[in-house]
Amino acid sequence: MGGWAIGRASSAVEHGARVRLLAMAVERDKRGGIGPYDVIIVGGRPAGSTLAIRLGRAGLRVLIVDQARFPSPHPVSASFLLPHALAILDELGFQESVYAEGTPKITSFVLEMGDYFRSILPFQSTLAGRDYFYTIDRSRLDGALWQGLKSLPTVRALEGTKVVELLKDGQGKVLGVVLEHRDGAREEHRAGAVIGADGRFSMVARAVGAVTTEARDDVQTTVYYDHWKSIGDYNDSGEVLAQIYSSCDGFSVLGMPTADDKTIILVQGRADRFAAMEGDPESKYISLLRARPRIWRRLEGRVRVGKLAGMKRINNLFREPCGPGWALCGDAYHQKDSIDAQGIYDALVGAKILAQELERWHRGDVSFNTAVANYGNRIYAACKPMFDSTMARLEREVYAELPPMVAKTMMRWMMSDPEYGRRFAQLITRQIEPASFMPPSKLVKFVVKGAFRRARRRFAGADPTDPHPLRV
């Protein structure tokens, strides 16, 4: 499907022309040329599919391959889709009404710190005309992106197909791929470049021996999540809220409204403390939820409608981005903890940068090695500041034990300030540099203002930042 004709062949003539073109391409491949393709992309999720779309629109001949059949849920994903990622999808012409069908717009999030305080903050990002975000259904998003490939005449999209081997010359330069279809049949294809966009456990990265150039194994977390049906809103305000609850003991729980009246309930915590718990993932998941009444009050008596998924010891790393005949994109290149919800954006912006450099190579402006080296420098510069910020947040909010007095005072005063909420939204949508998010002057300002605000509210007898009342 996809093939060389635009859309699906509507006549025997069109079908015959496509078959002849494909046969000519295969014959050329057998004669030892670079093949009918300029680029082969392994992996058809956001990084791979949007890279193929950009290259196809620029006129490059692209083969993109994925093991899954679309629409297909991502094997491990509970994804926030923030406005900076929505803006890139806008660039590509994708309709929000399609990939976000049936999915509520989340306009605020509530941050809860144990029994100390809570803060409900509106999501004010003012980016791409949006003051909301989604917990996206990945089957809809990925399916929409894959469907977008079908209108491009120079892009051939193969689903349900596995890349089992890379073709290399005697010096190790990557020349192409060996595909295996579901019926066991194999075929070879060559190209000027092979791109690994095949996720965290990238076959391409392994096959080329891409080394890890930077990693933080000391702040790893483990996550488990499932979908729950009709659990109701966080409160009776009518707002769609994402609930972020930290029990200040190395664990947190997220309640994320998603498509079709479902809510993803995700448990995240220090990998070492998850490993120390007895039982299987299912028992750990339920016991952690039951032990947190401010979460369990919404779940008790409700029905789970999914299947428990998760990941142990989430990697935080950069790999070598490129080499002779190859490059890595998305999670195949860079991974970091999901606490700041940057995964989809990183994949989309990486594909955008790589496409720009590959287009320069294709035009003959630069060599392939120069193009992918430029990509490596640019994507590292785009991802490194947020990587460092996320690692610092893991150290501060997950791996450090927050003293109760700090939580009740400075943390409460700071995180209940509306300006803090605005700046946090700007941080996670990459509108401000992490280094300028919380300078000492801002911290002092938030603390002083918050202390006075807390005193006034206590005098008045009511404070909306008090913890949510529990049923007796």
Protein backbone atom coordinates (compact mmCIF):
# COMPACT_ATOMS: atom_id res chain seq x y z
CA MET A 1 0.00 0.00 0.00
CA GLY A 2 1.17 3.60 -0.51
CA GLY A 3 3.41 2.59 -3.45
CA TRP A 4 4.38 4.82 -6.33
CA ALA A 5 0.93 5.94 -7.44
CA ILE A 6 -0.93 8.72 -5.67
CA GLY A 7 -3.43 7.12 -3.33
CA ARG A 8 -4.84 3.77 -4.30
CA ALA A 9 -4.78 2.62 -7.91
CA SER A 10 -8.21 3.32 -9.34
CA SER A 11 -7.79 1.49 -12.61
CA ALA A 12 -6.00 -1.47 -14.15
CA VAL A 13 -3.80 1.00 -16.09
CA GLU A 14 -2.61 2.74 -12.94
CA HIS A 15 -2.03 -0.59 -11.24
CA GLY A 16 -0.03 -1.89 -14.16
CA ALA A 17 2.11 1.26 -14.30
CA ARG A 18 2.91 0.92 -10.62
CA VAL A 19 3.89 -2.72 -11.02
CA ARG A 20 6.19 -1.89 -13.96
CA LEU A 21 7.88 0.94 -12.05
CA LEU A 22 8.42 -1.29 -9.04
CA ALA A 23 9.82 -4.08 -11.22
CA MET A 24 12.25 -1.62 -12.84
CA ALA A 25 13.33 -0.44 -9.40
CA VAL A 26 13.97 -3.98 -8.21
CA GLU A 27 15.95 -4.75 -11.37
CA ARG A 28 18.10 -1.66 -10.86
CA ASP A 29 18.72 -2.77 -7.29
CA LYS A 30 19.92 -6.15 -8.54
CA ARG A 31 22.40 -4.45 -10.87
CA GLY A 32 24.15 -2.94 -7.84
CA GLY A 33 23.02 0.69 -8.01
CA ILE A 34 21.95 2.62 -4.94
CA GLY A 35 18.45 1.30 -5.51
CA PRO A 36 15.24 3.13 -6.34
CA TYR A 37 15.33 4.95 -3.00
CA ASP A 38 17.26 7.93 -1.76
CA VAL A 39 16.39 7.15 1.86
CA ILE A 40 15.10 4.09 3.73
CA ILE A 41 13.47 4.81 7.08
CA VAL A 42 13.10 2.05 9.65
CA GLY A 43 10.19 2.85 11.99
CA GLY A 44 6.89 4.56 11.18
CA ARG A 45 5.92 6.29 14.42
CA PRO A 46 6.09 10.12 14.79
CA ALA A 47 9.83 10.47 14.04
CA GLY A 48 9.89 8.15 11.04
CA SER A 49 6.54 9.03 9.49
CA THR A 50 7.00 12.80 9.67
CA LEU A 51 10.56 12.47 8.32
CA ALA A 52 9.19 10.49 5.36
CA ILE A 53 6.48 13.08 4.77
CA ARG A 54 8.97 15.96 4.73
CA LEU A 55 11.37 14.11 2.42
CA GLY A 56 8.58 12.94 0.14
CA ARG A 57 7.28 16.47 -0.25
CA ALA A 58 10.81 17.54 -1.19
CA GLY A 59 10.84 14.94 -3.96
CA LEU A 60 13.13 12.32 -2.40
CA ARG A 61 12.36 8.66 -3.09
CA VAL A 62 11.62 7.10 0.30
CA LEU A 63 10.92 3.60 1.58
CA ILE A 64 9.52 3.54 5.12
CA VAL A 65 9.02 0.26 6.97
CA ASP A 66 7.34 -0.65 10.26
CA GLN A 67 6.62 -3.97 11.96
CA ALA A 68 3.16 -2.85 13.10
CA ARG A 69 -0.01 -2.43 11.13
CA PHE A 70 -1.74 0.93 11.54
CA PRO A 71 -3.72 2.09 13.37
CA SER A 72 -1.87 0.36 16.17
CA PRO A 73 -1.36 1.40 19.79
CA HIS A 74 2.18 2.20 20.77
CA PRO A 75 3.54 -0.68 22.86
CA VAL A 76 4.41 1.63 25.79
CA SER A 77 2.90 5.10 25.72
CA ALA A 78 0.88 7.40 27.92
CA SER A 79 1.59 10.54 26.00
CA PHE A 80 0.93 14.18 26.68
CA LEU A 81 0.77 16.10 23.41
CA LEU A 82 1.72 19.68 24.25
CA PRO A 83 1.23 22.84 22.14
CA HIS A 84 4.80 22.95 20.82
CA ALA A 85 4.27 19.48 19.34
CA LEU A 86 0.83 20.48 18.03
CA ALA A 87 2.48 23.41 16.25
CA ILE A 88 4.78 21.05 14.32
CA LEU A 89 1.81 18.90 13.33
CA ASP A 90 0.17 22.11 12.09
CA GLU A 91 3.22 22.75 9.89
CA LEU A 92 2.69 19.36 8.29
CA GLY A 93 -0.99 20.01 7.63
CA PHE A 94 -2.49 17.44 10.00
CA GLN A 95 -5.97 18.16 11.30
CA GLU A 96 -6.29 18.19 15.06
CA SER A 97 -9.90 17.03 14.72
CA VAL A 98 -8.63 13.77 13.20
CA TYR A 99 -5.78 12.69 15.48
CA ALA A 100 -7.48 14.08 18.60
CA GLU A 101 -10.97 12.79 17.81
CA GLY A 102 -12.91 12.04 20.98
CA THR A 103 -10.09 13.35 23.16
CA PRO A 104 -10.76 16.09 25.73
CA LYS A 105 -8.73 19.26 25.77
CA ILE A 106 -6.94 19.52 29.11
CA THR A 107 -6.98 23.13 30.26
CA SER A 108 -5.48 22.88 33.75
CA PHE A 109 -3.43 20.60 35.91
CA VAL A 110 -3.52 20.06 39.64
CA LEU A 111 -0.26 19.49 41.47
CA GLU A 112 -0.66 17.68 44.78
CA MET A 113 2.16 17.21 47.24
CA GLY A 114 1.07 14.46 49.61
CA ASP A 115 -1.10 15.78 52.43
CA TYR A 116 0.73 19.10 52.41
CA PHE A 117 -1.00 21.17 49.71
CA ARG A 118 -2.40 21.26 46.19
CA SER A 119 -2.29 23.86 43.46
CA ILE A 120 -4.64 24.04 40.48
CA LEU A 121 -2.90 25.87 37.66
CA PRO A 122 -4.35 26.80 34.27
CA PHE A 123 -2.27 25.78 31.29
CA GLN A 124 -1.30 29.14 29.86
CA SER A 125 1.22 28.55 27.13
CA THR A 126 -0.06 31.00 24.45
CA LEU A 127 1.67 28.90 21.81
CA ALA A 128 0.14 28.12 18.41
CA GLY A 129 -3.09 29.71 19.64
CA ARG A 130 -3.62 26.96 22.21
CA ASP A 131 -4.06 27.07 25.97
CA TYR A 132 -4.65 23.33 26.28
CA PHE A 133 -2.99 19.99 25.67
CA TYR A 134 -3.98 16.35 25.20
CA THR A 135 -3.31 12.93 26.58
CA ILE A 136 -3.28 11.57 23.08
CA ASP A 137 -4.49 8.17 21.90
CA ARG A 138 -1.36 7.00 20.12
CA SER A 139 -3.25 4.64 17.83
CA ARG A 140 -5.11 7.64 16.39
CA LEU A 141 -2.08 9.89 16.16
CA ASP A 142 0.24 7.27 14.67
CA GLY A 143 -2.50 6.04 12.34
CA ALA A 144 -3.13 9.58 11.06
CA LEU A 145 0.58 10.12 10.42
CA TRP A 146 0.89 6.81 8.57
CA GLN A 147 -2.19 7.61 6.51
CA GLY A 148 -0.56 10.90 5.52
CA LEU A 149 2.15 8.98 3.67
CA LYS A 150 -0.27 7.56 1.15
CA SER A 151 -0.72 10.74 -0.88
CA LEU A 152 3.00 11.08 -1.62
CA PRO A 153 3.99 9.54 -4.98
CA THR A 154 7.68 9.10 -4.10
CA VAL A 155 7.05 7.42 -0.75
CA ARG A 156 6.45 3.69 -0.41
CA ALA A 157 5.13 2.69 3.03
CA LEU A 158 5.33 -0.96 4.13
CA GLU A 159 3.58 -1.99 7.33
CA GLY A 160 3.71 -5.41 8.94
CA THR A 161 7.26 -5.73 7.66
CA LYS A 162 10.45 -6.20 9.66
CA VAL A 163 14.00 -5.07 8.92
CA VAL A 164 16.19 -8.04 9.86
CA GLU A 165 19.58 -6.93 8.58
CA LEU A 166 21.49 -3.94 7.25
CA LEU A 167 23.46 -4.24 4.03
CA LYS A 168 27.03 -2.91 4.31
CA ASP A 169 30.10 -2.65 2.17
CA GLY A 170 33.57 -3.88 3.14
CA GLN A 171 34.31 -0.68 5.09
CA GLY A 172 31.09 -0.85 7.11
CA LYS A 173 29.16 1.77 5.20
CA VAL A 174 25.41 1.09 5.30
CA LEU A 175 23.99 0.48 1.83
CA GLY A 176 20.46 -0.75 2.48
CA VAL A 177 18.26 -3.22 4.32
CA VAL A 178 16.97 -6.77 4.25
CA LEU A 179 13.21 -6.93 4.83
CA GLU A 180 11.16 -9.84 6.09
CA HIS A 181 7.43 -9.91 5.42
CA ARG A 182 4.94 -11.67 7.67
CA ASP A 183 4.84 -14.65 5.34
CA GLY A 184 8.61 -15.10 5.83
CA ALA A 185 9.57 -13.81 2.38
CA ARG A 186 12.69 -11.65 2.30
CA GLU A 187 13.87 -8.93 -0.05
CA GLU A 188 16.75 -6.46 -0.24
CA HIS A 189 16.55 -2.73 -0.90
CA ARG A 190 19.35 -0.21 -1.23
CA ALA A 191 19.47 3.52 -0.69
CA GLY A 192 21.82 6.43 -0.25
CA ALA A 193 20.92 6.56 3.46
CA VAL A 194 19.26 4.37 6.08
CA ILE A 195 17.60 6.11 9.01
CA GLY A 196 16.85 4.36 12.28
CA ALA A 197 13.63 5.77 13.71
CA ASP A 198 12.80 2.47 15.35
CA GLY A 199 12.52 3.42 18.99
CA ARG A 200 14.28 2.80 22.27
CA PHE A 201 15.47 -0.68 21.36
CA SER A 202 16.53 0.33 17.87
CA MET A 203 17.67 -2.52 15.64
CA VAL A 204 19.46 0.02 13.44
CA ALA A 205 21.41 1.43 16.39
CA ARG A 206 22.51 -2.07 17.38
CA ALA A 207 23.42 -3.07 13.83
CA VAL A 208 25.67 -0.05 13.27
CA GLY A 209 27.14 -0.25 16.78
CA ALA A 210 26.02 3.25 17.76
CA VAL A 211 27.58 3.90 21.15
CA THR A 212 25.92 5.72 24.02
CA THR A 213 27.70 9.05 24.32
CA GLU A 214 25.95 10.34 27.44
CA ALA A 215 23.73 8.71 30.05
CA ARG A 216 22.23 9.24 33.49
CA ASP A 217 21.52 5.86 35.06
CA ASP A 218 21.45 7.23 38.61
CA VAL A 219 17.98 8.83 38.33
CA GLN A 220 16.06 6.15 36.43
CA THR A 221 12.37 5.66 37.05
CA THR A 222 9.95 2.81 36.36
CA VAL A 223 6.38 3.38 35.16
CA TYR A 224 3.22 1.28 34.96
CA TYR A 225 -0.15 2.46 33.68
CA ASP A 226 -3.60 1.34 32.60
CA HIS A 227 -6.85 2.85 31.31
CA TRP A 228 -9.85 3.34 33.58
CA LYS A 229 -13.37 4.07 32.36
CA SER A 230 -15.64 6.92 33.54
CA ILE A 231 -13.79 7.74 36.73
CA GLY A 232 -15.22 11.25 36.81
CA ASP A 233 -13.63 14.65 37.08
CA TYR A 234 -11.11 15.60 39.74
CA ASN A 235 -13.61 18.07 41.20
CA ASP A 236 -16.97 19.60 40.31
CA SER A 237 -15.56 22.65 38.52
CA GLY A 238 -16.35 21.29 35.08
CA GLU A 239 -12.71 21.72 33.99
CA VAL A 240 -10.77 18.88 32.44
CA LEU A 241 -7.80 18.50 34.78
CA ALA A 242 -4.69 16.39 34.69
CA GLN A 243 -3.91 15.24 38.23
CA ILE A 244 -0.27 14.98 39.28
CA TYR A 245 0.09 13.55 42.76
CA SER A 246 3.44 13.16 44.50
CA SER A 247 3.51 11.26 47.77
CA CYS A 248 6.97 12.70 48.49
CA ASP A 249 8.47 9.24 48.93
CA GLY A 250 9.93 8.61 45.49
CA PHE A 251 6.58 7.77 43.87
CA SER A 252 3.99 9.79 42.00
CA VAL A 253 0.68 9.07 40.27
CA LEU A 254 -0.75 10.81 37.22
CA GLY A 255 -4.40 10.86 36.20
CA MET A 256 -4.61 11.83 32.53
CA PRO A 257 -8.00 12.13 30.78
CA THR A 258 -7.81 10.65 27.29
CA ALA A 259 -10.06 9.56 24.44
CA ASP A 260 -13.50 7.99 24.75
CA ASP A 261 -14.16 8.80 28.43
CA LYS A 262 -11.07 6.96 29.60
CA THR A 263 -8.40 8.11 32.01
CA ILE A 264 -4.83 6.85 32.06
CA ILE A 265 -3.67 6.22 35.61
CA LEU A 266 0.11 6.06 35.65
CA VAL A 267 2.35 5.19 38.58
CA GLN A 268 5.93 6.39 38.36
CA GLY A 269 8.74 6.07 40.87
CA ARG A 270 12.33 5.46 41.62
CA ALA A 271 13.46 2.34 39.80
CA ASP A 272 15.29 0.99 42.84
CA ARG A 273 12.20 1.29 45.05
CA PHE A 274 9.98 -0.38 42.47
CA ALA A 275 12.49 -3.22 42.26
CA ALA A 276 12.50 -3.60 46.06
CA MET A 277 8.72 -4.12 46.21
CA GLU A 278 7.42 -7.67 46.39
CA GLY A 279 5.08 -9.12 43.80
CA ASP A 280 4.51 -8.76 40.08
CA PRO A 281 3.84 -5.46 38.25
CA GLU A 282 0.07 -5.86 38.65
CA SER A 283 0.22 -6.21 42.43
CA LYS A 284 2.70 -3.33 42.71
CA TYR A 285 0.46 -1.11 40.62
CA ILE A 286 -2.69 -1.76 42.63
CA SER A 287 -1.00 -1.62 46.02
CA LEU A 288 0.56 1.76 45.24
CA LEU A 289 -2.81 3.15 44.14
CA ARG A 290 -4.67 1.80 47.18
CA ALA A 291 -2.07 3.29 49.50
CA ARG A 292 -2.82 6.79 48.16
CA PRO A 293 -6.37 7.75 49.20
CA ARG A 294 -6.31 10.98 47.22
CA ILE A 295 -5.96 8.85 44.09
CA TRP A 296 -8.00 5.82 45.15
CA ARG A 297 -11.07 7.97 45.94
CA ARG A 298 -11.49 8.43 42.16
CA LEU A 299 -10.85 4.79 41.25
CA GLU A 300 -12.67 2.72 43.85
CA GLY A 301 -15.51 0.83 42.18
CA ARG A 302 -14.45 1.86 38.68
CA VAL A 303 -13.54 -0.45 35.82
CA ARG A 304 -10.19 -0.90 34.16
CA VAL A 305 -10.60 -1.24 30.41
CA GLY A 306 -7.05 -1.64 29.19
CA LYS A 307 -4.08 -3.82 29.84
CA LEU A 308 -1.31 -2.95 32.27
CA ALA A 309 1.74 -1.62 30.42
CA GLY A 310 4.96 -0.03 31.50
CA MET A 311 8.70 0.13 31.38
CA LYS A 312 11.41 -0.64 33.89
CA ARG A 313 14.39 1.66 34.31
CA ILE A 314 13.64 4.28 31.68
CA ASN A 315 16.84 5.30 29.94
CA ASN A 316 18.20 8.83 29.92
CA LEU A 317 20.76 8.96 27.13
CA PHE A 318 22.16 10.20 23.86
CA ARG A 319 23.61 7.86 21.25
CA GLU A 320 25.90 8.52 18.34
CA PRO A 321 23.57 10.27 15.90
CA CYS A 322 25.11 9.22 12.60
CA GLY A 323 27.78 7.41 10.64
CA PRO A 324 28.63 6.24 7.10
CA GLY A 325 25.30 5.80 5.33
CA TRP A 326 23.12 6.03 8.46
CA ALA A 327 21.55 8.31 11.05
CA LEU A 328 19.30 7.87 14.08
CA CYS A 329 16.17 9.88 14.88
CA GLY A 330 13.66 10.00 17.74
CA ASP A 331 14.07 7.55 20.63
CA ALA A 332 16.64 5.62 18.62
CA TYR A 333 18.94 8.61 19.17
CA HIS A 334 17.81 10.32 22.38
CA GLN A 335 15.79 9.16 25.37
CA LYS A 336 14.81 10.83 28.60
CA ASP A 337 12.33 10.34 31.40
CA SER A 338 8.70 11.13 30.63
CA ILE A 339 8.26 13.42 33.66
CA ASP A 340 8.41 16.53 31.45
CA ALA A 341 6.41 15.02 28.55
CA GLN A 342 8.92 15.86 25.80
CA GLY A 343 9.11 12.58 23.86
CA ILE A 344 6.78 13.33 20.95
CA TYR A 345 8.14 16.85 20.50
CA ASP A 346 11.73 15.61 20.46
CA ALA A 347 10.78 13.05 17.79
CA LEU A 348 9.02 15.64 15.64
CA VAL A 349 11.70 18.32 15.89
CA GLY A 350 14.45 15.76 15.26
CA ALA A 351 12.68 14.64 12.08
CA LYS A 352 12.34 18.25 10.98
CA ILE A 353 16.05 18.98 11.46
CA LEU A 354 17.15 15.73 9.83
CA ALA A 355 14.87 16.35 6.84
CA GLN A 356 16.39 19.79 6.31
CA GLU A 357 19.90 18.36 6.27
CA LEU A 358 19.02 15.41 4.04
CA GLU A 359 17.39 17.77 1.56
CA ARG A 360 20.65 19.76 1.38
CA TRP A 361 22.52 16.51 0.71
CA HIS A 362 20.03 15.47 -1.95
CA ARG A 363 20.39 18.83 -3.73
CA GLY A 364 24.15 18.36 -3.75
CA ASP A 365 24.83 21.34 -1.46
CA VAL A 366 26.79 19.22 1.03
CA SER A 367 28.10 15.67 1.35
CA PHE A 368 26.12 13.08 3.25
CA ASN A 369 28.68 13.04 6.06
CA THR A 370 28.47 16.81 6.43
CA ALA A 371 24.67 16.75 6.35
CA VAL A 372 24.28 14.18 9.11
CA ALA A 373 27.06 15.75 11.19
CA ASN A 374 25.17 19.05 11.02
CA TYR A 375 22.02 17.20 12.07
CA GLY A 376 23.85 15.68 15.03
CA ASN A 377 25.07 19.05 16.24
CA ARG A 378 21.69 20.73 15.80
CA ILE A 379 19.57 18.05 17.45
CA TYR A 380 21.94 17.77 20.41
CA ALA A 381 21.74 21.55 20.89
CA ALA A 382 17.94 21.35 20.72
CA CYS A 383 17.62 18.51 23.25
CA LYS A 384 20.50 18.92 25.69
CA PRO A 385 19.18 21.87 27.80
CA MET A 386 15.85 20.12 28.43
CA PHE A 387 17.68 16.87 29.13
CA ASP A 388 19.70 18.57 31.87
CA SER A 389 16.56 20.24 33.24
CA THR A 390 14.70 16.92 33.38
CA MET A 391 17.60 15.21 35.13
CA ALA A 392 17.69 18.01 37.72
CA ARG A 393 13.94 17.66 38.24
CA LEU A 394 14.28 13.91 38.81
CA GLU A 395 17.00 14.55 41.38
CA ARG A 396 14.93 17.21 43.13
CA GLU A 397 11.41 15.79 42.98
CA VAL A 398 11.82 12.01 42.75
CA TYR A 399 15.16 11.01 44.26
CA ALA A 400 15.38 13.64 47.02
CA GLU A 401 13.23 13.30 50.14
CA LEU A 402 11.33 16.56 50.59
CA PRO A 403 11.36 17.68 54.26
CA PRO A 404 7.79 18.28 55.48
CA MET A 405 8.58 21.82 56.62
CA VAL A 406 9.86 22.75 53.16
CA ALA A 407 6.78 21.24 51.51
CA LYS A 408 4.42 23.10 53.84
CA THR A 409 6.13 26.45 53.37
CA MET A 410 8.48 27.30 50.51
CA MET A 411 7.21 24.65 48.10
CA ARG A 412 3.59 25.54 48.80
CA TRP A 413 4.16 29.27 48.47
CA MET A 414 6.03 28.90 45.20
CA MET A 415 3.90 26.31 43.41
CA SER A 416 0.58 28.00 44.22
CA ASP A 417 1.59 31.21 42.46
CA PRO A 418 -0.19 31.68 39.08
CA GLU A 419 3.02 33.07 37.58
CA TYR A 420 4.79 29.83 38.52
CA GLY A 421 2.15 27.95 36.52
CA ARG A 422 2.67 30.19 33.50
CA ARG A 423 6.42 29.79 33.61
CA PHE A 424 6.15 26.02 34.04
CA ALA A 425 3.93 25.83 30.93
CA GLN A 426 6.48 27.93 29.04
CA LEU A 427 9.29 25.64 30.23
CA ILE A 428 7.73 22.40 29.07
CA THR A 429 6.70 23.94 25.73
CA ARG A 430 10.30 25.12 25.21
CA GLN A 431 9.40 28.83 25.12
CA ILE A 432 11.94 29.71 27.79
CA GLU A 433 15.34 28.19 28.36
CA PRO A 434 15.54 25.86 31.38
CA ALA A 435 18.38 27.95 32.82
CA SER A 436 16.05 30.97 33.08
CA PHE A 437 13.03 29.09 34.45
CA MET A 438 13.67 29.71 38.13
CA PRO A 439 16.45 32.23 38.79
CA PRO A 440 17.02 33.19 42.45
CA SER A 441 15.16 36.48 42.00
CA LYS A 442 12.02 34.65 40.83
CA LEU A 443 12.26 32.10 43.62
CA VAL A 444 12.47 34.82 46.28
CA LYS A 445 9.55 36.64 44.68
CA PHE A 446 7.34 33.54 44.64
CA VAL A 447 8.18 32.65 48.24
CA VAL A 448 7.54 36.14 49.62
CA LYS A 449 4.29 36.59 47.70
CA GLY A 450 3.16 33.11 48.66
CA ALA A 451 3.82 33.61 52.35
CA PHE A 452 1.66 36.74 52.43
CA ARG A 453 -1.05 35.05 50.36
CA ARG A 454 -1.10 32.06 52.71
CA ALA A 455 -1.37 34.33 55.77
CA ARG A 456 -4.33 36.20 54.27
CA ARG A 457 -6.13 32.99 53.39
CA ARG A 458 -5.64 31.50 56.82
CA PHE A 459 -7.00 34.68 58.38
CA ALA A 460 -10.03 34.46 56.06
CA GLY A 461 -10.58 30.85 57.13
CA ALA A 462 -10.30 29.16 53.72
CA ASP A 463 -7.38 28.31 51.47
CA PRO A 464 -7.93 26.61 48.09
CA THR A 465 -4.41 25.17 48.29
CA ASP A 466 -5.39 22.99 51.25
CA PRO A 467 -5.44 19.28 50.36
CA HIS A 468 -8.58 17.89 48.76
CA PRO A 469 -10.95 16.69 51.50
CA LEU A 470 -11.29 12.93 51.70
CA ARG A 471 -14.44 10.96 52.32
CA VAL A 472 -14.78 9.72 55.88
